[in-house]
Each structure stands twice: as C-alpha cells, then as structure tokens.
PDB file of all heavy atoms in Angstrom:
ATOM      1  N   PHE A   1       0.844  -1.167   0.021  1.00  0.00           N
ATOM      2  CA  PHE A   1      -0.002   0.005   0.004  1.00  0.00           C
ATOM      3  C   PHE A   1       0.894   1.231   0.006  1.00  0.00           C
ATOM      4  O   PHE A   1       2.034   1.181   0.408  1.00  0.00           O
ATOM      5  CB  PHE A   1      -0.894  -0.008   1.229  1.00  0.00           C
ATOM      6  CG  PHE A   1      -1.823  -1.159   1.283  1.00  0.00           C
ATOM      7  CD1 PHE A   1      -1.518  -2.268   2.078  1.00  0.00           C
ATOM      8  CD2 PHE A   1      -3.007  -1.210   0.539  1.00  0.00           C
ATOM      9  CE1 PHE A   1      -2.390  -3.360   2.187  1.00  0.00           C
ATOM     10  CE2 PHE A   1      -3.831  -2.281   0.606  1.00  0.00           C
ATOM     11  CZ  PHE A   1      -3.548  -3.387   1.396  1.00  0.00           C
ATOM     12  N   ASP A   2       0.324   2.377  -0.480  1.00  0.00           N
ATOM     13  CA  ASP A   2       1.150   3.585  -0.503  1.00  0.00           C
ATOM     14  C   ASP A   2       1.228   4.253   0.864  1.00  0.00           C
ATOM     15  O   ASP A   2       0.586   3.834   1.823  1.00  0.00           O
ATOM     16  CB  ASP A   2       0.647   4.555  -1.574  1.00  0.00           C
ATOM     17  CG  ASP A   2      -0.763   5.091  -1.296  1.00  0.00           C
ATOM     18  OD1 ASP A   2      -1.214   5.068  -0.152  1.00  0.00           O
ATOM     19  OD2 ASP A   2      -1.407   5.556  -2.276  1.00  0.00           O
ATOM     20  N   GLY A   3       2.052   5.303   0.919  1.00  0.00           N
ATOM     21  CA  GLY A   3       2.279   6.014   2.198  1.00  0.00           C
ATOM     22  C   GLY A   3       1.007   6.669   2.745  1.00  0.00           C
ATOM     23  O   GLY A   3       0.889   6.813   3.964  1.00  0.00           O
ATOM     24  N   PHE A   4       0.100   7.061   1.858  1.00  0.00           N
ATOM     25  CA  PHE A   4      -1.118   7.670   2.330  1.00  0.00           C
ATOM     26  C   PHE A   4      -1.952   6.668   3.113  1.00  0.00           C
ATOM     27  O   PHE A   4      -2.543   6.964   4.142  1.00  0.00           O
ATOM     28  CB  PHE A   4      -1.959   8.241   1.160  1.00  0.00           C
ATOM     29  CG  PHE A   4      -1.227   9.285   0.352  1.00  0.00           C
ATOM     30  CD1 PHE A   4      -0.937   9.085  -0.982  1.00  0.00           C
ATOM     31  CD2 PHE A   4      -0.802  10.489   0.956  1.00  0.00           C
ATOM     32  CE1 PHE A   4      -0.293  10.032  -1.723  1.00  0.00           C
ATOM     33  CE2 PHE A   4      -0.175  11.428   0.200  1.00  0.00           C
ATOM     34  CZ  PHE A   4       0.101  11.203  -1.126  1.00  0.00           C
ATOM     35  N   TYR A   5      -1.991   5.452   2.596  1.00  0.00           N
ATOM     36  CA  TYR A   5      -2.732   4.377   3.253  1.00  0.00           C
ATOM     37  C   TYR A   5      -2.150   4.106   4.649  1.00  0.00           C
ATOM     38  O   TYR A   5      -2.854   4.069   5.654  1.00  0.00           O
ATOM     39  CB  TYR A   5      -2.684   3.096   2.431  1.00  0.00           C
ATOM     40  CG  TYR A   5      -3.231   1.869   3.149  1.00  0.00           C
ATOM     41  CD1 TYR A   5      -4.604   1.603   3.160  1.00  0.00           C
ATOM     42  CD2 TYR A   5      -2.392   1.014   3.858  1.00  0.00           C
ATOM     43  CE1 TYR A   5      -5.130   0.510   3.809  1.00  0.00           C
ATOM     44  CE2 TYR A   5      -2.876  -0.082   4.533  1.00  0.00           C
ATOM     45  CZ  TYR A   5      -4.248  -0.307   4.533  1.00  0.00           C
ATOM     46  OH  TYR A   5      -4.745  -1.428   5.199  1.00  0.00           O
ATOM     47  N   TRP A   6      -0.796   3.931   4.693  1.00  0.00           N
ATOM     48  CA  TRP A   6      -0.182   3.623   5.971  1.00  0.00           C
ATOM     49  C   TRP A   6      -0.307   4.779   6.991  1.00  0.00           C
ATOM     50  O   TRP A   6      -0.469   4.564   8.179  1.00  0.00           O
ATOM     51  CB  TRP A   6       1.276   3.275   5.773  1.00  0.00           C
ATOM     52  CG  TRP A   6       1.524   1.950   5.082  1.00  0.00           C
ATOM     53  CD1 TRP A   6       2.220   1.747   3.940  1.00  0.00           C
ATOM     54  CD2 TRP A   6       1.042   0.668   5.520  1.00  0.00           C
ATOM     55  NE1 TRP A   6       2.188   0.415   3.609  1.00  0.00           N
ATOM     56  CE2 TRP A   6       1.481  -0.294   4.552  1.00  0.00           C
ATOM     57  CE3 TRP A   6       0.287   0.200   6.562  1.00  0.00           C
ATOM     58  CZ2 TRP A   6       1.203  -1.621   4.631  1.00  0.00           C
ATOM     59  CZ3 TRP A   6       0.011  -1.126   6.688  1.00  0.00           C
ATOM     60  CH2 TRP A   6       0.456  -2.050   5.741  1.00  0.00           C
ATOM     61  N   THR A   7      -0.306   5.986   6.490  1.00  0.00           N
ATOM     62  CA  THR A   7      -0.502   7.161   7.368  1.00  0.00           C
ATOM     63  C   THR A   7      -1.896   7.175   7.940  1.00  0.00           C
ATOM     64  O   THR A   7      -2.090   7.415   9.160  1.00  0.00           O
ATOM     65  CB  THR A   7      -0.218   8.482   6.623  1.00  0.00           C
ATOM     66  OG1 THR A   7       1.169   8.499   6.204  1.00  0.00           O
ATOM     67  CG2 THR A   7      -0.497   9.674   7.476  1.00  0.00           C
ATOM     68  N   ASN A   8      -2.885   6.889   7.087  1.00  0.00           N
ATOM     69  CA  ASN A   8      -4.258   6.845   7.610  1.00  0.00           C
ATOM     70  C   ASN A   8      -4.413   5.768   8.628  1.00  0.00           C
ATOM     71  O   ASN A   8      -5.125   5.957   9.624  1.00  0.00           O
ATOM     72  CB  ASN A   8      -5.242   6.608   6.440  1.00  0.00           C
ATOM     73  CG  ASN A   8      -5.429   7.817   5.579  1.00  0.00           C
ATOM     74  OD1 ASN A   8      -5.449   8.940   6.072  1.00  0.00           O
ATOM     75  ND2 ASN A   8      -5.608   7.641   4.298  1.00  0.00           N
ATOM     76  N   GLN A   9      -3.787   4.598   8.409  1.00  0.00           N
ATOM     77  CA  GLN A   9      -3.867   3.510   9.351  1.00  0.00           C
ATOM     78  C   GLN A   9      -3.182   3.883  10.690  1.00  0.00           C
ATOM     79  O   GLN A   9      -3.716   3.647  11.769  1.00  0.00           O
ATOM     80  CB  GLN A   9      -3.200   2.255   8.762  1.00  0.00           C
ATOM     81  CG  GLN A   9      -3.936   1.646   7.594  1.00  0.00           C
ATOM     82  CD  GLN A   9      -5.293   1.168   7.959  1.00  0.00           C
ATOM     83  OE1 GLN A   9      -5.469   0.335   8.858  1.00  0.00           O
ATOM     84  NE2 GLN A   9      -6.335   1.628   7.270  1.00  0.00           N
ATOM     85  N   LEU A  10      -2.001   4.510  10.586  1.00  0.00           N
ATOM     86  CA  LEU A  10      -1.269   4.859  11.738  1.00  0.00           C
ATOM     87  C   LEU A  10      -1.977   5.945  12.568  1.00  0.00           C
ATOM     88  O   LEU A  10      -1.969   5.909  13.813  1.00  0.00           O
ATOM     89  CB  LEU A  10       0.126   5.349  11.347  1.00  0.00           C
ATOM     90  CG  LEU A  10       1.141   5.653  12.478  1.00  0.00           C
ATOM     91  CD1 LEU A  10       1.305   4.438  13.381  1.00  0.00           C
ATOM     92  CD2 LEU A  10       2.437   6.095  11.891  1.00  0.00           C
ATOM     93  N   ARG A  11      -2.597   6.898  11.872  1.00  0.00           N
ATOM     94  CA  ARG A  11      -3.261   8.006  12.564  1.00  0.00           C
ATOM     95  C   ARG A  11      -4.478   7.515  13.356  1.00  0.00           C
ATOM     96  O   ARG A  11      -4.917   8.221  14.290  1.00  0.00           O
ATOM     97  CB  ARG A  11      -3.712   9.063  11.584  1.00  0.00           C
ATOM     98  CG  ARG A  11      -2.600  10.038  11.260  1.00  0.00           C
ATOM     99  CD  ARG A  11      -2.318  10.942  12.458  1.00  0.00           C
ATOM    100  NE  ARG A  11      -1.070  11.732  12.314  1.00  0.00           N
ATOM    101  CZ  ARG A  11       0.079  11.419  12.821  1.00  0.00           C
ATOM    102  NH1 ARG A  11       0.208  10.325  13.580  1.00  0.00           N
ATOM    103  NH2 ARG A  11       1.115  12.201  12.628  1.00  0.00           N
ATOM    104  N   GLN A  12      -4.989   6.359  13.081  1.00  0.00           N
ATOM    105  CA  GLN A  12      -6.096   5.785  13.881  1.00  0.00           C
ATOM    106  C   GLN A  12      -5.570   5.264  15.228  1.00  0.00           C
ATOM    107  O   GLN A  12      -6.377   5.066  16.147  1.00  0.00           O
ATOM    108  CB  GLN A  12      -6.782   4.663  13.096  1.00  0.00           C
ATOM    109  CG  GLN A  12      -7.470   5.112  11.817  1.00  0.00           C
ATOM    110  CD  GLN A  12      -8.132   3.964  11.088  1.00  0.00           C
ATOM    111  OE1 GLN A  12      -8.571   3.012  11.679  1.00  0.00           O
ATOM    112  NE2 GLN A  12      -8.129   4.048   9.757  1.00  0.00           N
ATOM    113  N   LEU A  13      -4.265   5.065  15.335  1.00  0.00           N
ATOM    114  CA  LEU A  13      -3.707   4.471  16.499  1.00  0.00           C
ATOM    115  C   LEU A  13      -2.702   5.380  17.265  1.00  0.00           C
ATOM    116  O   LEU A  13      -2.468   5.167  18.442  1.00  0.00           O
ATOM    117  CB  LEU A  13      -2.978   3.154  16.140  1.00  0.00           C
ATOM    118  CG  LEU A  13      -3.809   2.112  15.375  1.00  0.00           C
ATOM    119  CD1 LEU A  13      -2.872   1.023  14.873  1.00  0.00           C
ATOM    120  CD2 LEU A  13      -4.845   1.516  16.291  1.00  0.00           C
ATOM    121  N   SER A  14      -2.145   6.350  16.553  1.00  0.00           N
ATOM    122  CA  SER A  14      -1.047   7.077  17.132  1.00  0.00           C
ATOM    123  C   SER A  14      -0.996   8.517  16.618  1.00  0.00           C
ATOM    124  O   SER A  14      -1.415   8.785  15.473  1.00  0.00           O
ATOM    125  CB  SER A  14       0.280   6.374  16.851  1.00  0.00           C
ATOM    126  OG  SER A  14       1.393   7.119  17.229  1.00  0.00           O
ATOM    127  N   LYS A  15      -0.422   9.378  17.435  1.00  0.00           N
ATOM    128  CA  LYS A  15      -0.179  10.788  17.023  1.00  0.00           C
ATOM    129  C   LYS A  15       1.307  11.014  16.765  1.00  0.00           C
ATOM    130  O   LYS A  15       1.767  12.163  16.710  1.00  0.00           O
ATOM    131  CB  LYS A  15      -0.634  11.740  18.114  1.00  0.00           C
ATOM    132  CG  LYS A  15      -2.145  11.740  18.357  1.00  0.00           C
ATOM    133  CD  LYS A  15      -2.886  12.242  17.109  1.00  0.00           C
ATOM    134  CE  LYS A  15      -4.387  12.363  17.339  1.00  0.00           C
ATOM    135  NZ  LYS A  15      -5.112  12.798  16.137  1.00  0.00           N
ATOM    136  N   VAL A  16       2.097   9.949  16.560  1.00  0.00           N
ATOM    137  CA  VAL A  16       3.517  10.073  16.322  1.00  0.00           C
ATOM    138  C   VAL A  16       3.734  10.970  15.103  1.00  0.00           C
ATOM    139  O   VAL A  16       3.028  10.891  14.112  1.00  0.00           O
ATOM    140  CB  VAL A  16       4.139   8.660  16.079  1.00  0.00           C
ATOM    141  CG1 VAL A  16       3.607   7.980  14.883  1.00  0.00           C
ATOM    142  CG2 VAL A  16       5.678   8.802  15.975  1.00  0.00           C
ATOM    143  N   PRO A  17       4.697  11.926  15.160  1.00  0.00           N
ATOM    144  CA  PRO A  17       4.950  12.794  14.022  1.00  0.00           C
ATOM    145  C   PRO A  17       5.380  12.013  12.790  1.00  0.00           C
ATOM    146  O   PRO A  17       6.094  11.011  12.884  1.00  0.00           O
ATOM    147  CB  PRO A  17       6.071  13.696  14.530  1.00  0.00           C
ATOM    148  CG  PRO A  17       6.049  13.614  15.999  1.00  0.00           C
ATOM    149  CD  PRO A  17       5.535  12.254  16.321  1.00  0.00           C
ATOM    150  N   ILE A  18       4.910  12.475  11.623  1.00  0.00           N
ATOM    151  CA  ILE A  18       5.255  11.829  10.332  1.00  0.00           C
ATOM    152  C   ILE A  18       5.750  12.875   9.358  1.00  0.00           C
ATOM    153  O   ILE A  18       5.130  13.907   9.184  1.00  0.00           O
ATOM    154  CB  ILE A  18       4.021  11.161   9.737  1.00  0.00           C
ATOM    155  CG1 ILE A  18       3.447  10.084  10.695  1.00  0.00           C
ATOM    156  CG2 ILE A  18       4.323  10.545   8.382  1.00  0.00           C
ATOM    157  CD1 ILE A  18       2.123   9.532  10.260  1.00  0.00           C
ATOM    158  N   ILE A  19       6.902  12.563   8.764  1.00  0.00           N
ATOM    159  CA  ILE A  19       7.414  13.409   7.656  1.00  0.00           C
ATOM    160  C   ILE A  19       7.358  12.555   6.379  1.00  0.00           C
ATOM    161  O   ILE A  19       7.907  11.465   6.332  1.00  0.00           O
ATOM    162  CB  ILE A  19       8.885  13.832   7.910  1.00  0.00           C
ATOM    163  CG1 ILE A  19       8.985  14.753   9.121  1.00  0.00           C
ATOM    164  CG2 ILE A  19       9.449  14.566   6.651  1.00  0.00           C
ATOM    165  CD1 ILE A  19      10.395  15.192   9.448  1.00  0.00           C
ATOM    166  N   PHE A  20       6.687  13.073   5.360  1.00  0.00           N
ATOM    167  CA  PHE A  20       6.593  12.396   4.076  1.00  0.00           C
ATOM    168  C   PHE A  20       7.840  12.693   3.277  1.00  0.00           C
ATOM    169  O   PHE A  20       8.354  13.806   3.260  1.00  0.00           O
ATOM    170  CB  PHE A  20       5.374  12.873   3.301  1.00  0.00           C
ATOM    171  CG  PHE A  20       4.187  11.967   3.402  1.00  0.00           C
ATOM    172  CD1 PHE A  20       3.478  11.819   4.577  1.00  0.00           C
ATOM    173  CD2 PHE A  20       3.792  11.218   2.302  1.00  0.00           C
ATOM    174  CE1 PHE A  20       2.412  10.955   4.662  1.00  0.00           C
ATOM    175  CE2 PHE A  20       2.697  10.334   2.383  1.00  0.00           C
ATOM    176  CZ  PHE A  20       1.990  10.232   3.586  1.00  0.00           C
ATOM    177  N   ILE A  21       8.367  11.650   2.670  1.00  0.00           N
ATOM    178  CA  ILE A  21       9.516  11.778   1.754  1.00  0.00           C
ATOM    179  C   ILE A  21       9.126  11.151   0.438  1.00  0.00           C
ATOM    180  O   ILE A  21       8.741   9.980   0.326  1.00  0.00           O
ATOM    181  CB  ILE A  21      10.747  11.008   2.357  1.00  0.00           C
ATOM    182  CG1 ILE A  21      11.108  11.574   3.698  1.00  0.00           C
ATOM    183  CG2 ILE A  21      11.906  11.072   1.365  1.00  0.00           C
ATOM    184  CD1 ILE A  21      12.244  10.860   4.398  1.00  0.00           C
ATOM    185  N   SER A  22       9.244  11.937  -0.638  1.00  0.00           N
ATOM    186  CA  SER A  22       8.759  11.422  -1.920  1.00  0.00           C
ATOM    187  C   SER A  22       9.412  12.103  -3.106  1.00  0.00           C
ATOM    188  O   SER A  22       9.855  13.265  -3.011  1.00  0.00           O
ATOM    189  CB  SER A  22       7.261  11.609  -2.051  1.00  0.00           C
ATOM    190  OG  SER A  22       6.784  11.162  -3.301  1.00  0.00           O
ATOM    191  N   ALA A  23       9.493  11.390  -4.216  1.00  0.00           N
ATOM    192  CA  ALA A  23      10.006  11.965  -5.459  1.00  0.00           C
ATOM    193  C   ALA A  23       8.892  12.728  -6.198  1.00  0.00           C
ATOM    194  O   ALA A  23       9.142  13.415  -7.142  1.00  0.00           O
ATOM    195  CB  ALA A  23      10.529  10.875  -6.355  1.00  0.00           C
ATOM    196  N   ALA A  24       7.650  12.641  -5.673  1.00  0.00           N
ATOM    197  CA  ALA A  24       6.542  13.318  -6.293  1.00  0.00           C
ATOM    198  C   ALA A  24       6.653  14.824  -6.104  1.00  0.00           C
ATOM    199  O   ALA A  24       7.331  15.285  -5.175  1.00  0.00           O
ATOM    200  CB  ALA A  24       5.211  12.859  -5.702  1.00  0.00           C
ATOM    201  N   GLU A  25       5.950  15.568  -6.953  1.00  0.00           N
ATOM    202  CA  GLU A  25       6.012  17.016  -6.842  1.00  0.00           C
ATOM    203  C   GLU A  25       5.349  17.458  -5.517  1.00  0.00           C
ATOM    204  O   GLU A  25       4.520  16.775  -4.965  1.00  0.00           O
ATOM    205  CB  GLU A  25       5.253  17.664  -8.029  1.00  0.00           C
ATOM    206  CG  GLU A  25       5.992  17.483  -9.349  1.00  0.00           C
ATOM    207  CD  GLU A  25       7.338  18.170  -9.372  1.00  0.00           C
ATOM    208  OE1 GLU A  25       7.484  19.253  -8.742  1.00  0.00           O
ATOM    209  OE2 GLU A  25       8.267  17.652  -9.976  1.00  0.00           O
ATOM    210  N   MET A  26       5.724  18.672  -5.067  1.00  0.00           N
ATOM    211  CA  MET A  26       5.273  19.189  -3.808  1.00  0.00           C
ATOM    212  C   MET A  26       3.733  19.258  -3.740  1.00  0.00           C
ATOM    213  O   MET A  26       3.103  18.933  -2.783  1.00  0.00           O
ATOM    214  CB  MET A  26       5.882  20.581  -3.519  1.00  0.00           C
ATOM    215  CG  MET A  26       5.709  21.058  -2.115  1.00  0.00           C
ATOM    216  SD  MET A  26       6.749  20.106  -0.999  1.00  0.00           S
ATOM    217  CE  MET A  26       6.442  20.982   0.549  1.00  0.00           C
TER     218      MET A  26
END
C-alpha cells in the first residue's frame, strides 16, 4: 500500500509525528 494508506492507518492508533519523503511534486 502507498504512504497515504499507511499514514491513515497509523493515525487511527497514534499521534507520532510523520514526515513524508517522496519523489513526487510538492
């Protein structure tokens, strides 16, 4: 799954800070 999916899953369980890193445009 992509990073958006994992972030949504993680946000249901935790408020740990997340920094996205990607080759995609800003």
